[in-house]
Amino acid sequence: MWWFQQGLSFLPAALVVWSAASFVFSYITAIVLHHVDPLVPYISDTGTIPPERCLFGIMLNISAFLGMATMYVRYKQVYALNPEKNKIIKLNKIALTLGLMSCFGLCIIANFQKCILYYIHVVGACLTFGVGAIYLLVQTVLSYLMQPELHSKDIFWIRLTMFLWCCSSIVSMFVSSVVLYSGLYGMNLVQKLHWDPQEKGYTAHIISTISEWSLAFSFLSFFLTYIRDFQKISLRAVVSLHGQTLYDTPQSRGSEEQALLIAGSI
C-alpha cells in the first residue's frame, strides 16, 4: 500500500499539491502570454488577466474546499484523542473557526482580483494568511500540549519552524509593501504588472514578491506535517433504510425493518 493510500493522508497531500499547482500553472500561463515579468511577480498578478485569471480562480476555490475538509478532519481527530481535556477542546474549536475563516479568505482572493477590487482582495489576503497564521499558532500549541503521549517532539518542532517561517515572511512582506506603496516611488503601483530593474522601488518590489511566495509555501508546507497523523484516520459511513419504499405510507411508517446499505472504510 502506497503512503497516500493509508487512511486520509491523501487529503493534506492533495491540498498542498493542488494549491501549489494553482500558483505554478497561472504563473506559467501569465509568463507565456507576457502578462507579467518572469522574475518573481506577485502571485496575485499572475491571476489578474484572462485566461490565467479563470484558471487561478477555479483552482483556488477547489483549494479552499480541500482546506476546509483537511481542517475539519484535523478538528475531529484532536477531539477524539482528547475527549476530556477542556483546554485542548477549546483550543481545537478556536483552531477550526480560524481555519474556516482562512479558507473563506482564499475564496475572496480567488474571486476578487488585485487590479480590479484591490481592497477586497487585501481583506481576503489578511483572512487567508493573517488569520491562517494564527491557526498555525494554535495547532502548534496543540501539538505541544499533546506531546509526548499523542505527538512526538519532532512534529512539534517541525510545526514551530513552519510557523516561524510563515511569520517572518509576513513581517518581511508587510514592511516592504508599506515602503513600496508609501508614495515615494509613485502612485497607482497596484496596477503595475511590469517592472524595470532600473526603476525606483524595484528592490522593495522584489523583496515584497519574494516574501509573498515564501509566505504561500510556508503556509502550505505546514499541512504536510498532517500526513502522518492522517494515515491513522479512517472514515466509516453507515446508511440505514427504513421501510421497503420511498413513499410515506402507513405500511412504510409501521415497518421496523432496517437494511444496512453501506459500511466501509476509506
Protein backbone atom coordinates (compact mmCIF):
# COMPACT_ATOMS: atom_id res chain seq x y z
CA MET A 1 0.00 0.00 0.00
CA TRP A 2 1.33 3.42 -1.00
CA TRP A 3 1.63 6.08 1.70
CA PHE A 4 -1.17 8.20 0.20
CA GLN A 5 -3.50 5.18 0.35
CA GLN A 6 -3.17 4.95 4.12
CA GLY A 7 -6.09 6.48 5.99
CA LEU A 8 -6.87 10.04 4.92
CA SER A 9 -3.28 11.07 4.23
CA PHE A 10 -4.25 11.93 0.65
CA LEU A 11 -6.27 14.91 1.95
CA PRO A 12 -3.46 17.22 3.17
CA ALA A 13 -1.26 15.98 0.32
CA ALA A 14 -3.92 16.93 -2.23
CA LEU A 15 -4.35 20.34 -0.56
CA VAL A 16 -0.64 21.15 -0.84
CA VAL A 17 -0.10 19.76 -4.35
CA TRP A 18 -3.25 21.31 -5.81
CA SER A 19 -2.64 24.73 -4.24
CA ALA A 20 0.98 24.80 -5.38
CA ALA A 21 -0.14 23.77 -8.87
CA SER A 22 -2.66 26.64 -8.96
CA PHE A 23 0.18 29.12 -8.35
CA VAL A 24 2.59 27.47 -10.78
CA PHE A 25 0.12 26.95 -13.66
CA SER A 26 -1.19 30.51 -13.53
CA TYR A 27 2.40 31.79 -13.33
CA ILE A 28 3.45 29.77 -16.40
CA THR A 29 0.39 30.92 -18.35
CA ALA A 30 0.98 34.57 -17.46
CA ILE A 31 4.67 34.32 -18.44
CA VAL A 32 3.95 32.62 -21.76
CA LEU A 33 1.40 35.32 -22.64
CA HIS A 34 3.78 38.10 -21.43
CA HIS A 35 1.25 39.41 -18.94
CA VAL A 36 3.83 39.64 -16.12
CA ASP A 37 7.61 39.72 -15.75
CA PRO A 38 9.32 36.32 -15.38
CA LEU A 39 11.33 37.36 -12.31
CA VAL A 40 9.16 36.76 -9.23
CA PRO A 41 5.88 38.60 -9.90
CA TYR A 42 3.22 38.84 -7.22
CA ILE A 43 1.15 35.67 -7.05
CA SER A 44 -1.96 37.80 -7.42
CA ASP A 45 -0.56 39.43 -10.57
CA THR A 46 -0.38 36.01 -12.23
CA GLY A 47 -4.14 35.67 -11.76
CA THR A 48 -5.24 39.11 -12.92
CA ILE A 49 -5.69 38.87 -16.70
CA PRO A 50 -7.67 36.20 -18.60
CA PRO A 51 -7.16 33.32 -19.27
CA GLU A 52 -4.91 32.72 -16.24
CA ARG A 53 -7.42 34.60 -14.07
CA CYS A 54 -10.03 31.91 -14.80
CA LEU A 55 -7.57 29.12 -14.04
CA PHE A 56 -6.38 30.85 -10.88
CA GLY A 57 -9.91 31.39 -9.60
CA ILE A 58 -11.31 27.91 -10.13
CA MET A 59 -8.22 26.14 -8.79
CA LEU A 60 -8.09 28.27 -5.62
CA ASN A 61 -11.79 27.65 -4.99
CA ILE A 62 -11.07 23.92 -5.04
CA SER A 63 -8.09 24.56 -2.72
CA ALA A 64 -10.42 26.30 -0.28
CA PHE A 65 -12.70 23.25 -0.26
CA LEU A 66 -9.74 20.90 0.32
CA GLY A 67 -8.55 23.21 3.10
CA MET A 68 -11.92 23.12 4.87
CA ALA A 69 -12.03 19.32 4.62
CA THR A 70 -8.47 18.98 5.96
CA MET A 71 -9.06 21.35 8.87
CA TYR A 72 -12.33 19.67 9.82
CA VAL A 73 -10.76 16.21 9.83
CA ARG A 74 -7.92 17.57 11.98
CA TYR A 75 -10.50 19.05 14.35
CA LYS A 76 -12.29 15.70 14.69
CA GLN A 77 -9.01 13.87 15.24
CA VAL A 78 -7.85 16.16 18.05
CA TYR A 79 -11.29 15.98 19.66
CA ALA A 80 -11.33 12.18 19.51
CA LEU A 81 -7.87 11.92 21.08
CA ASN A 82 -8.64 14.38 23.89
CA PRO A 83 -12.32 13.94 24.80
CA GLU A 84 -11.88 15.01 28.43
CA LYS A 85 -9.26 17.77 28.21
CA ASN A 86 -11.19 21.04 28.26
CA LYS A 87 -8.22 23.25 27.42
CA ILE A 88 -7.39 21.28 24.30
CA ILE A 89 -11.05 21.07 23.28
CA LYS A 90 -11.45 24.86 23.49
CA LEU A 91 -8.26 25.50 21.52
CA ASN A 92 -9.38 22.92 18.98
CA LYS A 93 -12.68 24.75 18.41
CA ILE A 94 -10.84 28.06 18.07
CA ALA A 95 -8.50 26.47 15.52
CA LEU A 96 -11.41 25.17 13.44
CA THR A 97 -13.06 28.62 13.41
CA LEU A 98 -9.82 30.30 12.38
CA GLY A 99 -9.20 27.67 9.72
CA LEU A 100 -12.62 28.12 8.14
CA MET A 101 -12.12 31.91 8.13
CA SER A 102 -8.79 31.42 6.38
CA CYS A 103 -10.43 29.23 3.71
CA PHE A 104 -13.13 31.85 3.19
CA GLY A 105 -10.39 34.42 2.67
CA LEU A 106 -8.88 32.18 -0.01
CA CYS A 107 -12.22 32.23 -1.84
CA ILE A 108 -12.14 36.03 -1.72
CA ILE A 109 -8.61 36.07 -3.18
CA ALA A 110 -9.71 33.71 -5.95
CA ASN A 111 -12.76 35.72 -6.99
CA PHE A 112 -11.77 39.36 -6.35
CA GLN A 113 -8.65 40.16 -8.33
CA LYS A 114 -6.00 42.57 -7.08
CA CYS A 115 -6.14 45.01 -10.01
CA ILE A 116 -9.95 45.16 -10.05
CA LEU A 117 -11.09 45.21 -6.40
CA TYR A 118 -7.85 45.82 -4.53
CA TYR A 119 -9.17 46.45 -1.02
CA ILE A 120 -11.47 43.42 -1.03
CA HIS A 121 -8.54 41.36 -2.31
CA VAL A 122 -6.40 42.63 0.57
CA VAL A 123 -9.14 41.67 3.06
CA GLY A 124 -9.08 38.16 1.59
CA ALA A 125 -5.29 38.03 1.89
CA CYS A 126 -5.46 39.14 5.54
CA LEU A 127 -8.02 36.45 6.29
CA THR A 128 -6.08 33.76 4.44
CA PHE A 129 -2.60 34.42 5.75
CA GLY A 130 -3.16 36.65 8.79
CA VAL A 131 -5.90 34.55 10.38
CA GLY A 132 -4.26 31.48 8.85
CA ALA A 133 -1.03 32.25 10.73
CA ILE A 134 -2.99 32.31 13.99
CA TYR A 135 -4.45 28.92 13.00
CA LEU A 136 -0.91 27.59 12.59
CA LEU A 137 -0.01 29.00 16.01
CA VAL A 138 -2.97 27.30 17.71
CA GLN A 139 -2.18 23.99 16.00
CA THR A 140 1.44 24.31 17.11
CA VAL A 141 0.30 24.92 20.69
CA LEU A 142 -1.99 21.88 20.45
CA SER A 143 0.95 19.80 19.24
CA TYR A 144 2.94 20.98 22.26
CA LEU A 145 0.13 20.12 24.68
CA MET A 146 -0.35 16.69 23.10
CA GLN A 147 3.29 15.63 23.33
CA PRO A 148 4.76 13.15 24.14
CA GLU A 149 1.71 10.92 24.67
CA LEU A 150 -0.04 11.67 21.36
CA HIS A 151 2.55 13.66 19.41
CA SER A 152 6.28 13.25 19.05
CA LYS A 153 8.52 16.17 19.93
CA ASP A 154 9.84 16.20 16.37
CA ILE A 155 6.39 17.06 14.96
CA PHE A 156 6.07 19.92 17.40
CA TRP A 157 9.45 21.39 16.44
CA ILE A 158 8.75 21.00 12.72
CA ARG A 159 5.40 22.79 13.09
CA LEU A 160 7.01 25.51 15.17
CA THR A 161 9.63 26.00 12.45
CA MET A 162 6.95 26.26 9.77
CA PHE A 163 5.03 28.77 11.87
CA LEU A 164 8.12 30.95 12.42
CA TRP A 165 8.92 30.78 8.70
CA CYS A 166 5.38 31.93 7.94
CA CYS A 167 5.57 34.80 10.46
CA SER A 168 8.95 36.02 9.17
CA SER A 169 7.52 36.06 5.63
CA ILE A 170 4.52 38.08 6.80
CA VAL A 171 6.75 40.65 8.53
CA SER A 172 9.07 40.94 5.52
CA MET A 173 6.15 41.32 3.10
CA PHE A 174 4.37 43.86 5.30
CA VAL A 175 7.42 46.09 5.77
CA SER A 176 8.46 46.01 2.10
CA SER A 177 4.89 46.64 0.93
CA VAL A 178 4.49 49.63 3.25
CA VAL A 179 7.72 51.08 1.87
CA LEU A 180 6.72 50.33 -1.74
CA TYR A 181 3.21 51.78 -1.54
CA SER A 182 4.12 54.72 0.70
CA GLY A 183 4.05 57.08 -2.28
CA LEU A 184 7.81 57.56 -2.51
CA TYR A 185 8.00 55.59 -5.74
CA GLY A 186 4.90 56.85 -7.50
CA MET A 187 1.18 56.26 -7.42
CA ASN A 188 -1.06 53.50 -8.80
CA LEU A 189 1.60 50.84 -8.31
CA VAL A 190 -1.18 48.35 -7.61
CA GLN A 191 -2.00 48.32 -11.32
CA LYS A 192 1.63 47.90 -12.34
CA LEU A 193 2.42 44.45 -13.79
CA HIS A 194 5.80 45.13 -15.45
CA TRP A 195 8.86 46.47 -13.66
CA ASP A 196 12.19 47.73 -14.96
CA PRO A 197 15.17 46.86 -12.73
CA GLN A 198 16.35 50.48 -13.11
CA GLU A 199 13.13 51.90 -11.63
CA LYS A 200 12.98 53.33 -8.15
CA GLY A 201 11.24 50.95 -5.79
CA TYR A 202 12.30 47.86 -7.72
CA THR A 203 14.25 46.47 -4.77
CA ALA A 204 11.29 46.90 -2.41
CA HIS A 205 9.07 45.28 -5.06
CA ILE A 206 11.32 42.22 -5.36
CA ILE A 207 11.58 41.81 -1.58
CA SER A 208 7.79 42.04 -1.35
CA THR A 209 7.15 39.49 -4.09
CA ILE A 210 9.73 37.01 -2.77
CA SER A 211 8.18 37.36 0.68
CA GLU A 212 4.73 36.63 -0.76
CA TRP A 213 5.90 33.43 -2.46
CA SER A 214 7.74 32.45 0.71
CA LEU A 215 4.59 33.09 2.74
CA ALA A 216 2.42 31.00 0.44
CA PHE A 217 4.73 27.98 0.50
CA SER A 218 5.49 28.20 4.23
CA PHE A 219 1.74 28.20 4.89
CA LEU A 220 1.18 25.20 2.62
CA SER A 221 4.19 23.31 3.99
CA PHE A 222 2.61 23.28 7.44
CA PHE A 223 -0.13 20.95 6.17
CA LEU A 224 2.45 18.41 5.02
CA THR A 225 3.00 17.67 8.72
CA TYR A 226 -0.58 16.34 8.86
CA ILE A 227 0.17 13.44 6.52
CA ARG A 228 1.46 11.00 9.16
CA ASP A 229 -1.38 11.92 11.52
CA PHE A 230 -4.00 11.42 8.82
CA GLN A 231 -2.61 7.98 7.96
CA LYS A 232 -4.14 6.82 11.23
CA ILE A 233 -7.65 8.07 10.40
CA SER A 234 -10.37 6.15 8.56
CA LEU A 235 -13.93 7.12 7.73
CA ARG A 236 -16.86 4.78 8.21
CA ALA A 237 -20.19 5.57 6.55
CA VAL A 238 -23.36 3.74 7.59
CA VAL A 239 -26.72 4.28 5.86
CA SER A 240 -29.91 2.59 7.14
CA LEU A 241 -33.07 2.06 5.09
CA HIS A 242 -36.38 2.28 6.99
CA GLY A 243 -39.10 0.54 5.03
CA GLN A 244 -39.25 -1.00 1.59
CA THR A 245 -40.43 2.05 -0.43
CA LEU A 246 -39.71 5.74 -0.74
CA TYR A 247 -43.39 6.62 -0.22
CA ASP A 248 -44.73 7.74 3.14
CA THR A 249 -47.43 5.10 3.50
CA PRO A 250 -48.89 3.58 6.68
CA GLN A 251 -47.16 0.32 5.83
CA SER A 252 -43.76 2.01 5.44
CA ARG A 253 -44.25 4.07 8.60
CA GLY A 254 -45.04 0.97 10.59
CA SER A 255 -42.17 -1.07 9.26
CA GLU A 256 -39.35 -1.79 11.67
CA GLU A 257 -37.02 -3.26 9.06
CA GLN A 258 -33.59 -1.73 8.62
CA ALA A 259 -31.20 -2.68 5.84
CA LEU A 260 -27.55 -1.82 6.05
CA LEU A 261 -26.62 -0.36 2.68
CA ILE A 262 -23.09 0.88 3.17
CA ALA A 263 -20.49 0.05 5.78
CA GLY A 264 -16.90 0.55 4.74
CA SER A 265 -13.68 2.31 5.44
CA ILE A 266 -11.78 4.75 3.30
